[in-house]
């Protein structure tokens, strides 16, 4: 188990170095290159296999975080690597591999594995820490975060604002869709001869699924949920509406679909 964890950590550092190499060559964005690197994950002792959705997401997040953090401190890390002699040490480290290793060793969570790389950095531990301390003294800072160049720190802040705006816009779109879906569903209920109405979406959002059902039930008393919907299907609605056990829902990670939801309404008159 320890060897497996060590191998996975070493793979993470190699993947991060490859992403940084491609960024240096201008081959894409950080997100695009991280996703491309994890379309397939080489497994120890076997051919390349697709990763599961859940483990793949975790690996991508970890890789993305490592690449981003190493880039923030790139200037300082390069200076430390050169001044400490690590850059010319044997075994010779590829420059971007040294960058991510030294980031984790000095500024990140530390190297809990990584085999020969950890042993190499431990041999240079005193010099690495001394060079980091020397740079802090020279720049008159005490926190690691203060070593990040202002233009990078400001860009990260702007990107965070953009992401917040995108998240707000996405929430607004979901709310607008849900409002429309409620009105369409209630309109269908008004036809006198209609006995059954199927409400189905390809959404994973509760706001467009269970919440729409709850709002439609609360707005009228002519239709109720019908219980004979795909009885063999195992996954049911979220328990946030009466009759949730009659609803059909999927889980993108477990059921390998983007989203699927079904509610069957039946006239109670």
Protein backbone atom coordinates (compact mmCIF):
# COMPACT_ATOMS: atom_id res chain seq x y z
CA UNK A 1 0.00 0.00 0.00
CA UNK A 2 2.84 2.40 0.91
CA UNK A 3 4.58 1.66 -2.40
CA UNK A 4 1.35 2.29 -4.29
CA UNK A 5 0.83 5.66 -2.58
CA UNK A 6 4.45 6.60 -3.24
CA UNK A 7 4.05 5.69 -6.90
CA UNK A 8 0.89 7.79 -7.22
CA UNK A 9 2.62 10.77 -5.63
CA UNK A 10 5.60 10.46 -7.94
CA UNK A 11 3.19 10.28 -10.88
CA UNK A 12 1.50 13.48 -9.68
CA UNK A 13 4.83 15.34 -9.71
CA UNK A 14 5.68 14.05 -13.18
CA UNK A 15 2.23 15.04 -14.51
CA UNK A 16 2.58 18.52 -13.00
CA UNK A 17 6.02 18.92 -14.59
CA UNK A 18 4.61 17.88 -17.98
CA UNK A 19 1.81 20.45 -17.70
CA UNK A 20 4.36 23.15 -16.84
CA UNK A 21 6.52 22.10 -19.82
CA UNK A 22 3.56 22.45 -22.16
CA UNK A 23 2.63 25.80 -20.64
CA UNK A 24 6.20 27.00 -21.29
CA UNK A 25 5.74 25.98 -24.94
CA UNK A 26 2.41 27.84 -25.13
CA UNK A 27 0.41 24.70 -25.93
CA UNK A 28 -2.73 25.59 -23.96
CA UNK A 29 -4.29 26.84 -20.74
CA UNK A 30 -3.72 25.35 -17.30
CA UNK A 31 -7.22 23.88 -17.10
CA UNK A 32 -7.11 22.50 -20.63
CA UNK A 33 -3.73 20.84 -20.13
CA UNK A 34 -4.68 19.41 -16.73
CA UNK A 35 -7.85 17.84 -18.17
CA UNK A 36 -5.91 16.52 -21.19
CA UNK A 37 -3.29 14.92 -18.96
CA UNK A 38 -5.99 13.04 -17.03
CA UNK A 39 -8.10 11.75 -19.91
CA UNK A 40 -6.12 8.56 -19.43
CA UNK A 41 -4.09 7.61 -16.38
CA UNK A 42 -1.29 5.06 -16.65
CA UNK A 43 -1.73 2.29 -14.10
CA UNK A 44 1.20 0.45 -12.54
CA UNK A 45 1.78 -2.94 -14.13
CA UNK A 46 -0.83 -2.63 -16.87
CA UNK A 47 -2.07 -0.73 -19.88
CA UNK A 48 -3.60 2.72 -19.77
CA UNK A 49 -7.16 2.74 -18.43
CA UNK A 50 -9.85 5.33 -18.06
CA UNK A 51 -10.12 6.67 -14.53
CA UNK A 52 -13.44 6.59 -12.69
CA UNK A 53 -15.29 9.90 -12.59
CA UNK A 54 -14.81 10.38 -8.87
CA UNK A 55 -11.12 9.46 -8.63
CA UNK A 56 -10.41 11.32 -11.86
CA UNK A 57 -11.96 14.52 -10.49
CA UNK A 58 -9.90 14.23 -7.30
CA UNK A 59 -6.68 13.69 -9.28
CA UNK A 60 -7.43 16.64 -11.57
CA UNK A 61 -8.10 18.96 -8.63
CA UNK A 62 -4.88 17.90 -6.94
CA UNK A 63 -2.87 18.33 -10.13
CA UNK A 64 -4.49 21.68 -10.92
CA UNK A 65 -3.77 22.99 -7.41
CA UNK A 66 -0.13 21.86 -7.52
CA UNK A 67 0.49 23.47 -10.94
CA UNK A 68 -1.17 26.74 -9.92
CA UNK A 69 0.72 27.02 -6.64
CA UNK A 70 4.06 26.19 -8.25
CA UNK A 71 3.46 28.90 -10.86
CA UNK A 72 2.67 31.51 -8.20
CA UNK A 73 6.07 30.98 -6.59
CA UNK A 74 7.98 30.14 -9.79
CA UNK A 75 10.37 33.10 -9.62
CA UNK A 76 11.33 32.47 -6.00
CA UNK A 77 11.57 28.71 -6.43
CA UNK A 78 13.91 29.06 -9.41
CA UNK A 79 16.20 31.30 -7.35
CA UNK A 80 16.20 28.84 -4.45
CA UNK A 81 16.92 25.85 -6.71
CA UNK A 82 19.87 27.60 -8.39
CA UNK A 83 21.36 29.04 -5.20
CA UNK A 84 21.05 25.79 -3.23
CA UNK A 85 22.86 23.71 -5.85
CA UNK A 86 19.89 21.40 -6.32
CA UNK A 87 19.68 22.29 -10.01
CA UNK A 88 23.09 20.72 -10.67
CA UNK A 89 22.77 17.83 -8.22
CA UNK A 90 22.78 14.17 -9.21
CA UNK A 91 20.47 12.60 -10.20
CA UNK A 92 19.73 15.55 -12.46
CA UNK A 93 16.17 16.82 -12.10
CA UNK A 94 14.23 18.20 -15.06
CA UNK A 95 13.68 21.93 -14.25
CA UNK A 96 9.89 21.85 -13.88
CA UNK A 97 10.01 18.61 -11.91
CA UNK A 98 12.44 20.32 -9.51
CA UNK A 99 10.03 23.26 -9.34
CA UNK A 100 7.01 21.23 -8.15
CA UNK A 101 9.10 19.10 -5.80
CA UNK A 102 10.68 22.11 -4.10
CA UNK A 103 7.29 23.85 -3.88
CA UNK A 104 5.78 20.91 -1.99
CA UNK A 105 8.92 20.45 0.11
CA UNK A 106 9.28 24.08 1.22
CA UNK A 107 5.91 25.77 0.79
CA UNK A 108 3.35 22.98 0.41
CA UNK A 109 2.34 20.04 2.59
CA UNK A 110 5.77 18.41 2.37
CA UNK A 111 6.93 15.28 0.57
CA UNK A 112 5.22 12.38 2.32
CA UNK A 113 6.40 9.96 -0.37
CA UNK A 114 8.11 10.37 -3.75
CA UNK A 115 10.96 7.95 -2.96
CA UNK A 116 14.30 9.00 -4.47
CA UNK A 117 13.10 12.57 -4.94
CA UNK A 118 12.45 12.97 -1.24
CA UNK A 119 15.90 11.56 -0.44
CA UNK A 120 17.50 14.01 -2.87
CA UNK A 121 15.71 17.02 -1.38
CA UNK A 122 16.51 15.91 2.16
CA UNK A 123 20.21 15.98 1.26
CA UNK A 124 19.74 19.65 0.29
CA UNK A 125 17.29 20.48 3.09
CA UNK A 126 19.55 22.90 4.99
CA UNK A 127 20.52 24.84 1.85
CA UNK A 128 16.95 25.01 0.58
CA UNK A 129 15.61 26.39 3.86
CA UNK A 130 18.56 28.77 4.18
CA UNK A 131 17.95 30.20 0.70
CA UNK A 132 14.23 30.63 1.44
CA UNK A 133 15.06 32.47 4.69
CA UNK A 134 17.64 34.63 2.89
CA UNK A 135 15.08 35.72 0.27
CA UNK A 136 12.53 36.59 2.97
CA UNK A 137 15.08 38.72 4.79
CA UNK A 138 16.15 40.45 1.60
CA UNK A 139 12.55 41.23 0.67
CA UNK A 140 11.60 42.10 4.27
CA UNK A 141 8.66 39.67 4.45
CA UNK A 142 7.74 36.99 6.98
CA UNK A 143 4.95 35.11 5.21
CA UNK A 144 5.39 32.81 2.23
CA UNK A 145 2.39 34.42 0.52
CA UNK A 146 4.20 37.76 0.48
CA UNK A 147 6.75 36.25 -1.92
CA UNK A 148 4.12 35.99 -4.68
CA UNK A 149 4.62 38.81 -7.23
CA UNK A 150 1.95 41.51 -7.08
CA UNK A 151 0.85 41.03 -10.70
CA UNK A 152 0.18 37.33 -10.06
CA UNK A 153 -1.64 38.02 -6.80
CA UNK A 154 -3.81 40.65 -8.47
CA UNK A 155 -4.54 38.34 -11.41
CA UNK A 156 -5.63 35.59 -9.02
CA UNK A 157 -7.95 38.04 -7.27
CA UNK A 158 -9.47 39.14 -10.60
CA UNK A 159 -9.92 35.51 -11.65
CA UNK A 160 -11.72 34.80 -8.37
CA UNK A 161 -14.08 37.71 -9.06
CA UNK A 162 -14.75 36.37 -12.56
CA UNK A 163 -15.48 32.90 -11.20
CA UNK A 164 -17.91 34.37 -8.65
CA UNK A 165 -19.69 36.26 -11.43
CA UNK A 166 -19.88 33.09 -13.53
CA UNK A 167 -21.28 31.12 -10.59
CA UNK A 168 -23.93 33.80 -9.96
CA UNK A 169 -24.88 33.82 -13.65
CA UNK A 170 -25.18 30.02 -13.62
CA UNK A 171 -27.45 30.15 -10.56
CA UNK A 172 -29.60 32.78 -12.26
CA UNK A 173 -29.93 30.58 -15.36
CA UNK A 174 -30.99 27.58 -13.29
CA UNK A 175 -33.60 29.68 -11.43
CA UNK A 176 -34.97 31.09 -14.68
CA UNK A 177 -35.25 27.60 -16.18
CA UNK A 178 -36.94 26.27 -13.04
CA UNK A 179 -39.50 29.12 -13.10
CA UNK A 180 -40.29 28.39 -16.73
CA UNK A 181 -40.58 24.64 -16.06
CA UNK A 182 -43.07 25.25 -13.24
CA UNK A 183 -45.21 27.46 -15.46
CA UNK A 184 -45.10 24.93 -18.32
CA UNK A 185 -46.07 22.11 -15.98
CA UNK A 186 -48.99 24.04 -14.48
CA UNK A 187 -50.14 24.95 -17.99
CA UNK A 188 -50.23 21.26 -18.91
CA UNK A 189 -52.33 20.52 -15.82
CA UNK A 190 -55.04 22.93 -17.05
CA UNK A 191 -56.10 20.82 -20.04
CA UNK A 192 -59.42 19.23 -18.96
CA UNK A 193 -58.90 15.89 -20.71
CA UNK A 194 -55.34 15.31 -19.55
CA UNK A 195 -55.07 12.40 -17.13
CA UNK A 196 -51.28 11.98 -16.88
CA UNK A 197 -48.35 14.36 -17.33
CA UNK A 198 -44.71 13.31 -17.48
CA UNK A 199 -42.14 15.83 -16.30
CA UNK A 200 -38.58 14.90 -17.30
CA UNK A 201 -35.26 16.76 -17.43
CA UNK A 202 -31.63 16.05 -18.23
CA UNK A 203 -30.57 18.19 -15.26
CA UNK A 204 -28.81 17.19 -12.08
CA UNK A 205 -29.97 20.33 -10.25
CA UNK A 206 -32.48 19.92 -7.44
CA UNK A 207 -33.92 23.35 -8.34
CA UNK A 208 -35.02 22.02 -11.74
CA UNK A 209 -36.12 18.64 -10.44
CA UNK A 210 -37.51 18.02 -6.94
CA UNK A 211 -38.10 21.72 -6.28
CA UNK A 212 -40.14 22.10 -9.48
CA UNK A 213 -42.23 19.08 -8.48
CA UNK A 214 -42.80 20.52 -4.99
CA UNK A 215 -43.85 23.91 -6.40
CA UNK A 216 -46.20 22.31 -8.94
CA UNK A 217 -47.88 20.18 -6.25
CA UNK A 218 -48.26 23.16 -3.92
CA UNK A 219 -49.81 25.32 -6.64
CA UNK A 220 -52.76 23.02 -7.41
CA UNK A 221 -54.67 20.04 -6.01
CA UNK A 222 -55.84 18.30 -9.20
CA UNK A 223 -52.68 16.25 -9.90
CA UNK A 224 -50.62 14.07 -7.58
CA UNK A 225 -47.47 11.99 -8.05
CA UNK A 226 -47.97 8.54 -9.53
CA UNK A 227 -45.99 5.68 -8.04
CA UNK A 228 -45.58 3.27 -10.97
CA UNK A 229 -42.58 4.94 -12.67
CA UNK A 230 -39.78 2.56 -13.68
CA UNK A 231 -40.23 0.34 -10.61
CA UNK A 232 -36.97 -1.54 -11.28
CA UNK A 233 -34.84 1.62 -11.13
CA UNK A 234 -32.96 1.84 -7.83
CA UNK A 235 -32.25 5.55 -7.43
CA UNK A 236 -35.10 7.79 -6.29
CA UNK A 237 -35.61 11.50 -5.72
CA UNK A 238 -34.06 13.58 -2.96
CA UNK A 239 -36.14 13.50 0.23
CA UNK A 240 -37.14 17.15 0.00
CA UNK A 241 -40.68 16.65 -1.33
CA UNK A 242 -43.55 14.42 -0.26
CA UNK A 243 -43.61 11.37 -2.50
CA UNK A 244 -39.91 11.58 -3.39
CA UNK A 245 -39.83 7.78 -3.56
CA UNK A 246 -41.97 8.01 -6.70
CA UNK A 247 -39.39 10.17 -8.51
CA UNK A 248 -36.62 8.88 -10.77
CA UNK A 249 -33.18 10.43 -10.56
CA UNK A 250 -29.63 9.50 -11.57
CA UNK A 251 -26.25 10.18 -10.04
CA UNK A 252 -23.66 11.30 -12.64
CA UNK A 253 -20.78 9.59 -10.82
CA UNK A 254 -22.52 6.31 -10.03
CA UNK A 255 -24.80 5.92 -13.06
CA UNK A 256 -22.42 7.35 -15.69
CA UNK A 257 -24.91 9.83 -17.15
CA UNK A 258 -24.96 13.62 -17.18
CA UNK A 259 -28.38 13.90 -15.56
CA UNK A 260 -31.83 12.35 -15.80
CA UNK A 261 -34.98 13.00 -13.80
CA UNK A 262 -38.59 11.81 -14.20
CA UNK A 263 -41.82 12.60 -12.35
CA UNK A 264 -45.20 11.20 -13.40
CA UNK A 265 -48.28 13.18 -12.36
CA UNK A 266 -51.75 11.64 -12.41
CA UNK A 267 -55.11 13.42 -12.24
CA UNK A 268 -56.76 12.75 -8.91
CA UNK A 269 -60.31 13.60 -10.01
